[in-house]
Amino acid sequence: VQYVESGGGLVQPGGSLRLPCVASGFTFSNYAMTWFRQALGKEREIVAVISRARANESVVYGDCVKGRFIMSRDNEASTVYLQMNSLKPEDTATYYCRAAFPKTDERGNTWGQGTQVTVSS
């Protein structure tokens, strides 16, 4: 299992970024996918979750990003996206994606390198 997150960078408050995450090593369409983020000195938090292809690909957002971020998936490309709009300084964090494997599945211990997003003027 491997995840490659990209698209991060420095952006001004109110700006936008689009983060792709390419996954490999498993049947992508069979699993829900999650975007997480972790700010310096804080615990990792869930940003958004998209259900698997056969579950209508519905999305649930964390309260902190609801109405500003949009998560989507491209099953042919084994990629999830996070469109981030109206960015705030508190969105500054390293962003990660990961498949929602069952808790007993060791593949759930794998993380990518993440992509750093910094929101600052």
N, C-alpha and C. Protein backbone atom coordinates (compact mmCIF):
# COMPACT_ATOMS: atom_id res chain seq x y z
N VAL A 1 0.85 -1.19 0.00
CA VAL A 1 0.00 0.00 0.00
C VAL A 1 0.89 1.24 0.00
N GLN A 2 0.49 2.21 -0.82
CA GLN A 2 1.27 3.45 -0.88
C GLN A 2 0.33 4.61 -1.17
N TYR A 3 0.62 5.75 -0.58
CA TYR A 3 -0.12 6.98 -0.83
C TYR A 3 0.89 8.07 -1.19
N VAL A 4 0.57 8.83 -2.22
CA VAL A 4 1.42 9.95 -2.60
C VAL A 4 0.55 11.20 -2.65
N GLU A 5 0.69 12.03 -1.61
CA GLU A 5 -0.05 13.29 -1.53
C GLU A 5 0.80 14.41 -2.13
N SER A 6 0.14 15.36 -2.76
CA SER A 6 0.85 16.49 -3.36
C SER A 6 -0.08 17.69 -3.43
N GLY A 7 0.42 18.80 -3.97
CA GLY A 7 -0.42 19.97 -4.19
C GLY A 7 -0.37 21.01 -3.09
N GLY A 8 0.35 20.71 -2.01
CA GLY A 8 0.42 21.68 -0.92
C GLY A 8 1.31 22.85 -1.26
N GLY A 9 1.34 23.83 -0.37
CA GLY A 9 2.17 25.00 -0.58
C GLY A 9 1.75 26.14 0.32
N LEU A 10 2.28 27.31 0.02
CA LEU A 10 1.96 28.52 0.77
C LEU A 10 0.86 29.29 0.03
N VAL A 11 -0.18 29.63 0.74
CA VAL A 11 -1.31 30.35 0.14
C VAL A 11 -1.80 31.41 1.12
N GLN A 12 -2.31 32.50 0.58
CA GLN A 12 -2.83 33.57 1.42
C GLN A 12 -4.21 33.22 1.96
N PRO A 13 -4.57 33.78 3.09
CA PRO A 13 -5.94 33.56 3.60
C PRO A 13 -6.97 33.93 2.54
N GLY A 14 -7.99 33.09 2.44
CA GLY A 14 -9.01 33.28 1.42
C GLY A 14 -8.71 32.59 0.11
N GLY A 15 -7.51 32.07 -0.03
CA GLY A 15 -7.11 31.42 -1.26
C GLY A 15 -7.58 29.98 -1.35
N SER A 16 -7.17 29.31 -2.43
CA SER A 16 -7.59 27.93 -2.69
C SER A 16 -6.39 27.06 -3.05
N LEU A 17 -6.53 25.79 -2.78
CA LEU A 17 -5.57 24.77 -3.20
C LEU A 17 -6.34 23.50 -3.51
N ARG A 18 -5.78 22.68 -4.39
CA ARG A 18 -6.36 21.37 -4.69
C ARG A 18 -5.30 20.31 -4.45
N LEU A 19 -5.60 19.42 -3.55
CA LEU A 19 -4.66 18.36 -3.19
C LEU A 19 -5.08 17.05 -3.84
N PRO A 20 -4.23 16.43 -4.65
CA PRO A 20 -4.48 15.06 -5.09
C PRO A 20 -3.72 14.07 -4.21
N CYS A 21 -4.25 12.88 -4.11
CA CYS A 21 -3.56 11.79 -3.42
C CYS A 21 -3.75 10.54 -4.27
N VAL A 22 -2.63 10.02 -4.77
CA VAL A 22 -2.66 8.81 -5.58
C VAL A 22 -2.37 7.61 -4.69
N ALA A 23 -3.27 6.63 -4.71
CA ALA A 23 -3.12 5.44 -3.89
C ALA A 23 -2.79 4.23 -4.76
N SER A 24 -2.08 3.27 -4.20
CA SER A 24 -1.76 2.05 -4.94
C SER A 24 -1.59 0.89 -3.96
N GLY A 25 -1.62 -0.32 -4.51
CA GLY A 25 -1.38 -1.50 -3.69
C GLY A 25 -2.63 -2.16 -3.16
N PHE A 26 -3.80 -1.66 -3.53
CA PHE A 26 -5.05 -2.26 -3.11
C PHE A 26 -6.13 -1.87 -4.12
N THR A 27 -7.28 -2.51 -4.03
CA THR A 27 -8.39 -2.23 -4.95
C THR A 27 -9.08 -0.96 -4.50
N PHE A 28 -8.69 0.12 -5.09
CA PHE A 28 -9.07 1.47 -4.63
C PHE A 28 -10.58 1.64 -4.51
N SER A 29 -11.31 1.20 -5.51
CA SER A 29 -12.76 1.46 -5.55
C SER A 29 -13.52 0.74 -4.45
N ASN A 30 -12.91 -0.25 -3.82
CA ASN A 30 -13.58 -1.04 -2.79
C ASN A 30 -13.58 -0.39 -1.40
N TYR A 31 -12.86 0.71 -1.25
CA TYR A 31 -12.66 1.27 0.08
C TYR A 31 -13.05 2.74 0.15
N ALA A 32 -13.65 3.11 1.28
CA ALA A 32 -13.79 4.53 1.59
C ALA A 32 -12.41 5.12 1.76
N MET A 33 -12.31 6.41 1.51
CA MET A 33 -11.03 7.12 1.65
C MET A 33 -11.22 8.32 2.57
N THR A 34 -10.18 8.62 3.31
CA THR A 34 -10.22 9.70 4.28
C THR A 34 -9.07 10.67 4.06
N TRP A 35 -9.37 11.95 4.18
CA TRP A 35 -8.33 12.97 4.29
C TRP A 35 -8.20 13.33 5.78
N PHE A 36 -6.96 13.32 6.24
CA PHE A 36 -6.63 13.74 7.59
C PHE A 36 -5.73 14.97 7.51
N ARG A 37 -5.59 15.66 8.63
CA ARG A 37 -4.58 16.69 8.72
C ARG A 37 -4.03 16.73 10.14
N GLN A 38 -2.79 17.18 10.23
CA GLN A 38 -2.16 17.31 11.53
C GLN A 38 -1.36 18.60 11.57
N ALA A 39 -1.75 19.49 12.45
CA ALA A 39 -1.02 20.74 12.65
C ALA A 39 0.08 20.51 13.68
N LEU A 40 1.07 21.35 13.63
CA LEU A 40 2.22 21.23 14.53
C LEU A 40 1.75 21.28 15.98
N GLY A 41 2.10 20.25 16.76
CA GLY A 41 1.75 20.22 18.16
C GLY A 41 0.32 19.81 18.46
N LYS A 42 -0.42 19.42 17.44
CA LYS A 42 -1.81 19.02 17.64
C LYS A 42 -2.03 17.59 17.19
N GLU A 43 -3.13 17.01 17.62
CA GLU A 43 -3.47 15.65 17.19
C GLU A 43 -3.99 15.65 15.77
N ARG A 44 -3.81 14.51 15.13
CA ARG A 44 -4.34 14.34 13.78
C ARG A 44 -5.86 14.37 13.82
N GLU A 45 -6.48 15.03 12.84
CA GLU A 45 -7.95 15.09 12.79
C GLU A 45 -8.45 14.72 11.40
N ILE A 46 -9.68 14.24 11.39
CA ILE A 46 -10.31 13.87 10.12
C ILE A 46 -10.86 15.12 9.44
N VAL A 47 -10.54 15.29 8.18
CA VAL A 47 -11.03 16.42 7.40
C VAL A 47 -12.29 16.03 6.63
N ALA A 48 -12.22 14.90 5.95
CA ALA A 48 -13.36 14.46 5.14
C ALA A 48 -13.21 12.98 4.83
N VAL A 49 -14.36 12.32 4.64
CA VAL A 49 -14.39 10.91 4.29
C VAL A 49 -15.33 10.73 3.11
N ILE A 50 -14.89 9.98 2.10
CA ILE A 50 -15.75 9.68 0.96
C ILE A 50 -15.97 8.17 0.93
N SER A 51 -17.20 7.76 0.75
CA SER A 51 -17.51 6.34 0.75
C SER A 51 -17.01 5.68 -0.54
N ARG A 52 -17.03 4.36 -0.53
CA ARG A 52 -16.52 3.61 -1.69
C ARG A 52 -17.45 3.76 -2.87
N ALA A 53 -17.00 3.29 -4.03
CA ALA A 53 -17.72 3.51 -5.28
C ALA A 53 -19.15 2.95 -5.21
N ARG A 54 -19.33 1.80 -4.57
CA ARG A 54 -20.65 1.17 -4.54
C ARG A 54 -21.56 1.74 -3.46
N ALA A 55 -21.07 2.74 -2.75
CA ALA A 55 -21.89 3.37 -1.71
C ALA A 55 -22.16 4.81 -2.07
N ASN A 56 -22.29 5.07 -3.35
CA ASN A 56 -22.68 6.39 -3.88
C ASN A 56 -21.63 7.47 -3.68
N GLU A 57 -20.47 7.09 -3.16
CA GLU A 57 -19.38 8.07 -2.99
C GLU A 57 -19.84 9.30 -2.22
N SER A 58 -20.64 9.08 -1.20
CA SER A 58 -21.09 10.20 -0.38
C SER A 58 -19.94 10.68 0.50
N VAL A 59 -19.99 11.95 0.86
CA VAL A 59 -18.90 12.58 1.61
C VAL A 59 -19.42 13.14 2.92
N VAL A 60 -18.63 12.95 3.97
CA VAL A 60 -18.90 13.56 5.27
C VAL A 60 -17.70 14.45 5.59
N TYR A 61 -17.98 15.66 6.01
CA TYR A 61 -16.93 16.64 6.29
C TYR A 61 -16.83 16.94 7.78
N GLY A 62 -15.61 17.23 8.20
CA GLY A 62 -15.44 17.71 9.56
C GLY A 62 -16.04 19.10 9.69
N ASP A 63 -16.50 19.44 10.88
CA ASP A 63 -17.15 20.73 11.09
C ASP A 63 -16.23 21.89 10.73
N CYS A 64 -14.96 21.71 10.91
CA CYS A 64 -14.01 22.81 10.69
C CYS A 64 -13.83 23.16 9.21
N VAL A 65 -14.26 22.28 8.32
CA VAL A 65 -14.05 22.54 6.89
C VAL A 65 -15.36 22.52 6.10
N LYS A 66 -16.44 22.21 6.76
CA LYS A 66 -17.74 22.10 6.09
C LYS A 66 -18.09 23.39 5.37
N GLY A 67 -18.49 23.27 4.12
CA GLY A 67 -18.86 24.44 3.34
C GLY A 67 -17.70 25.11 2.62
N ARG A 68 -16.47 24.68 2.93
CA ARG A 68 -15.29 25.28 2.30
C ARG A 68 -14.49 24.27 1.48
N PHE A 69 -14.45 23.02 1.92
CA PHE A 69 -13.67 21.98 1.25
C PHE A 69 -14.60 21.03 0.51
N ILE A 70 -14.09 20.47 -0.58
CA ILE A 70 -14.83 19.48 -1.34
C ILE A 70 -13.91 18.29 -1.61
N MET A 71 -14.35 17.10 -1.22
CA MET A 71 -13.60 15.88 -1.47
C MET A 71 -14.25 15.11 -2.61
N SER A 72 -13.43 14.55 -3.48
CA SER A 72 -13.93 13.74 -4.59
C SER A 72 -12.95 12.61 -4.85
N ARG A 73 -13.37 11.67 -5.68
CA ARG A 73 -12.51 10.54 -6.02
C ARG A 73 -12.64 10.19 -7.49
N ASP A 74 -11.54 9.69 -8.05
CA ASP A 74 -11.50 9.19 -9.42
C ASP A 74 -11.02 7.75 -9.32
N ASN A 75 -11.95 6.81 -9.41
CA ASN A 75 -11.60 5.41 -9.20
C ASN A 75 -10.72 4.85 -10.31
N GLU A 76 -10.88 5.36 -11.52
CA GLU A 76 -10.03 4.91 -12.62
C GLU A 76 -8.57 5.28 -12.38
N ALA A 77 -8.35 6.41 -11.74
CA ALA A 77 -6.99 6.90 -11.49
C ALA A 77 -6.51 6.58 -10.07
N SER A 78 -7.34 5.91 -9.28
CA SER A 78 -7.00 5.58 -7.89
C SER A 78 -6.55 6.83 -7.14
N THR A 79 -7.31 7.88 -7.30
CA THR A 79 -6.93 9.19 -6.75
C THR A 79 -8.10 9.82 -6.02
N VAL A 80 -7.81 10.42 -4.89
CA VAL A 80 -8.78 11.28 -4.22
C VAL A 80 -8.26 12.70 -4.27
N TYR A 81 -9.19 13.62 -4.22
CA TYR A 81 -8.86 15.04 -4.29
C TYR A 81 -9.48 15.76 -3.11
N LEU A 82 -8.82 16.84 -2.71
CA LEU A 82 -9.38 17.73 -1.71
C LEU A 82 -9.28 19.15 -2.25
N GLN A 83 -10.41 19.69 -2.65
CA GLN A 83 -10.47 21.08 -3.10
C GLN A 83 -10.70 21.94 -1.88
N MET A 84 -9.75 22.80 -1.59
CA MET A 84 -9.81 23.63 -0.39
C MET A 84 -10.01 25.08 -0.80
N ASN A 85 -11.12 25.65 -0.38
CA ASN A 85 -11.45 27.03 -0.70
C ASN A 85 -11.55 27.86 0.58
N SER A 86 -11.50 29.17 0.42
CA SER A 86 -11.63 30.08 1.56
C SER A 86 -10.71 29.66 2.70
N LEU A 87 -9.47 29.42 2.37
CA LEU A 87 -8.53 28.90 3.36
C LEU A 87 -8.27 29.90 4.47
N LYS A 88 -8.08 29.35 5.67
CA LYS A 88 -7.83 30.15 6.87
C LYS A 88 -6.48 29.75 7.47
N PRO A 89 -5.88 30.63 8.24
CA PRO A 89 -4.60 30.26 8.88
C PRO A 89 -4.70 28.97 9.70
N GLU A 90 -5.84 28.70 10.29
CA GLU A 90 -6.00 27.48 11.09
C GLU A 90 -6.07 26.22 10.24
N ASP A 91 -6.12 26.36 8.92
CA ASP A 91 -6.04 25.19 8.04
C ASP A 91 -4.60 24.75 7.81
N THR A 92 -3.66 25.52 8.32
CA THR A 92 -2.25 25.17 8.18
C THR A 92 -1.97 23.83 8.86
N ALA A 93 -1.46 22.88 8.09
CA ALA A 93 -1.23 21.52 8.60
C ALA A 93 -0.59 20.68 7.50
N THR A 94 -0.17 19.48 7.88
CA THR A 94 0.21 18.48 6.88
C THR A 94 -1.01 17.62 6.62
N TYR A 95 -1.31 17.42 5.33
CA TYR A 95 -2.52 16.70 4.93
C TYR A 95 -2.14 15.32 4.41
N TYR A 96 -2.92 14.34 4.84
CA TYR A 96 -2.69 12.95 4.47
C TYR A 96 -3.98 12.31 3.98
N CYS A 97 -3.85 11.33 3.10
CA CYS A 97 -5.01 10.53 2.75
C CYS A 97 -4.74 9.09 3.15
N ARG A 98 -5.82 8.32 3.32
CA ARG A 98 -5.65 6.93 3.69
C ARG A 98 -6.95 6.18 3.43
N ALA A 99 -6.83 4.92 3.08
CA ALA A 99 -8.01 4.08 2.88
C ALA A 99 -8.56 3.64 4.23
N ALA A 100 -9.85 3.44 4.28
CA ALA A 100 -10.52 3.01 5.51
C ALA A 100 -10.53 1.49 5.60
N PHE A 101 -9.37 0.92 5.85
CA PHE A 101 -9.29 -0.52 6.04
C PHE A 101 -9.90 -0.89 7.38
N PRO A 102 -10.37 -2.15 7.53
CA PRO A 102 -10.84 -2.62 8.83
C PRO A 102 -9.73 -2.50 9.88
N LYS A 103 -10.09 -2.34 11.15
CA LYS A 103 -9.10 -2.14 12.20
C LYS A 103 -8.13 -3.30 12.32
N THR A 104 -8.56 -4.48 11.96
CA THR A 104 -7.70 -5.66 12.06
C THR A 104 -6.76 -5.80 10.87
N ASP A 105 -6.92 -4.96 9.87
CA ASP A 105 -6.10 -5.05 8.66
C ASP A 105 -4.82 -4.24 8.84
N GLU A 106 -3.68 -4.90 8.77
CA GLU A 106 -2.40 -4.22 8.99
C GLU A 106 -2.11 -3.14 7.95
N ARG A 107 -2.76 -3.22 6.82
CA ARG A 107 -2.56 -2.19 5.80
C ARG A 107 -3.00 -0.82 6.31
N GLY A 108 -3.82 -0.82 7.34
CA GLY A 108 -4.27 0.43 7.92
C GLY A 108 -3.18 1.18 8.66
N ASN A 109 -2.02 0.57 8.84
CA ASN A 109 -0.92 1.23 9.55
C ASN A 109 -0.03 2.07 8.63
N THR A 110 -0.32 2.02 7.34
CA THR A 110 0.51 2.72 6.37
C THR A 110 0.05 4.16 6.16
N TRP A 111 1.00 5.07 6.15
CA TRP A 111 0.73 6.48 5.87
C TRP A 111 1.66 6.95 4.77
N GLY A 112 1.23 7.95 4.02
CA GLY A 112 2.10 8.58 3.06
C GLY A 112 2.94 9.66 3.73
N GLN A 113 3.68 10.41 2.89
CA GLN A 113 4.54 11.45 3.45
C GLN A 113 3.76 12.73 3.76
N GLY A 114 2.56 12.82 3.23
CA GLY A 114 1.74 14.00 3.45
C GLY A 114 2.19 15.17 2.58
N THR A 115 1.37 16.19 2.57
CA THR A 115 1.71 17.42 1.85
C THR A 115 1.41 18.61 2.76
N GLN A 116 2.35 19.52 2.85
CA GLN A 116 2.24 20.64 3.78
C GLN A 116 1.44 21.79 3.16
N VAL A 117 0.47 22.25 3.90
CA VAL A 117 -0.31 23.42 3.50
C VAL A 117 -0.08 24.51 4.55
N THR A 118 0.33 25.67 4.08
CA THR A 118 0.56 26.79 4.97
C THR A 118 -0.28 27.97 4.49
N VAL A 119 -1.14 28.46 5.37
CA VAL A 119 -2.00 29.59 5.03
C VAL A 119 -1.53 30.80 5.84
N SER A 120 -0.98 31.75 5.14
CA SER A 120 -0.39 32.91 5.81
C SER A 120 -0.28 34.07 4.85
N SER A 121 -0.40 35.25 5.39
CA SER A 121 -0.22 36.46 4.58
C SER A 121 1.22 36.95 4.69
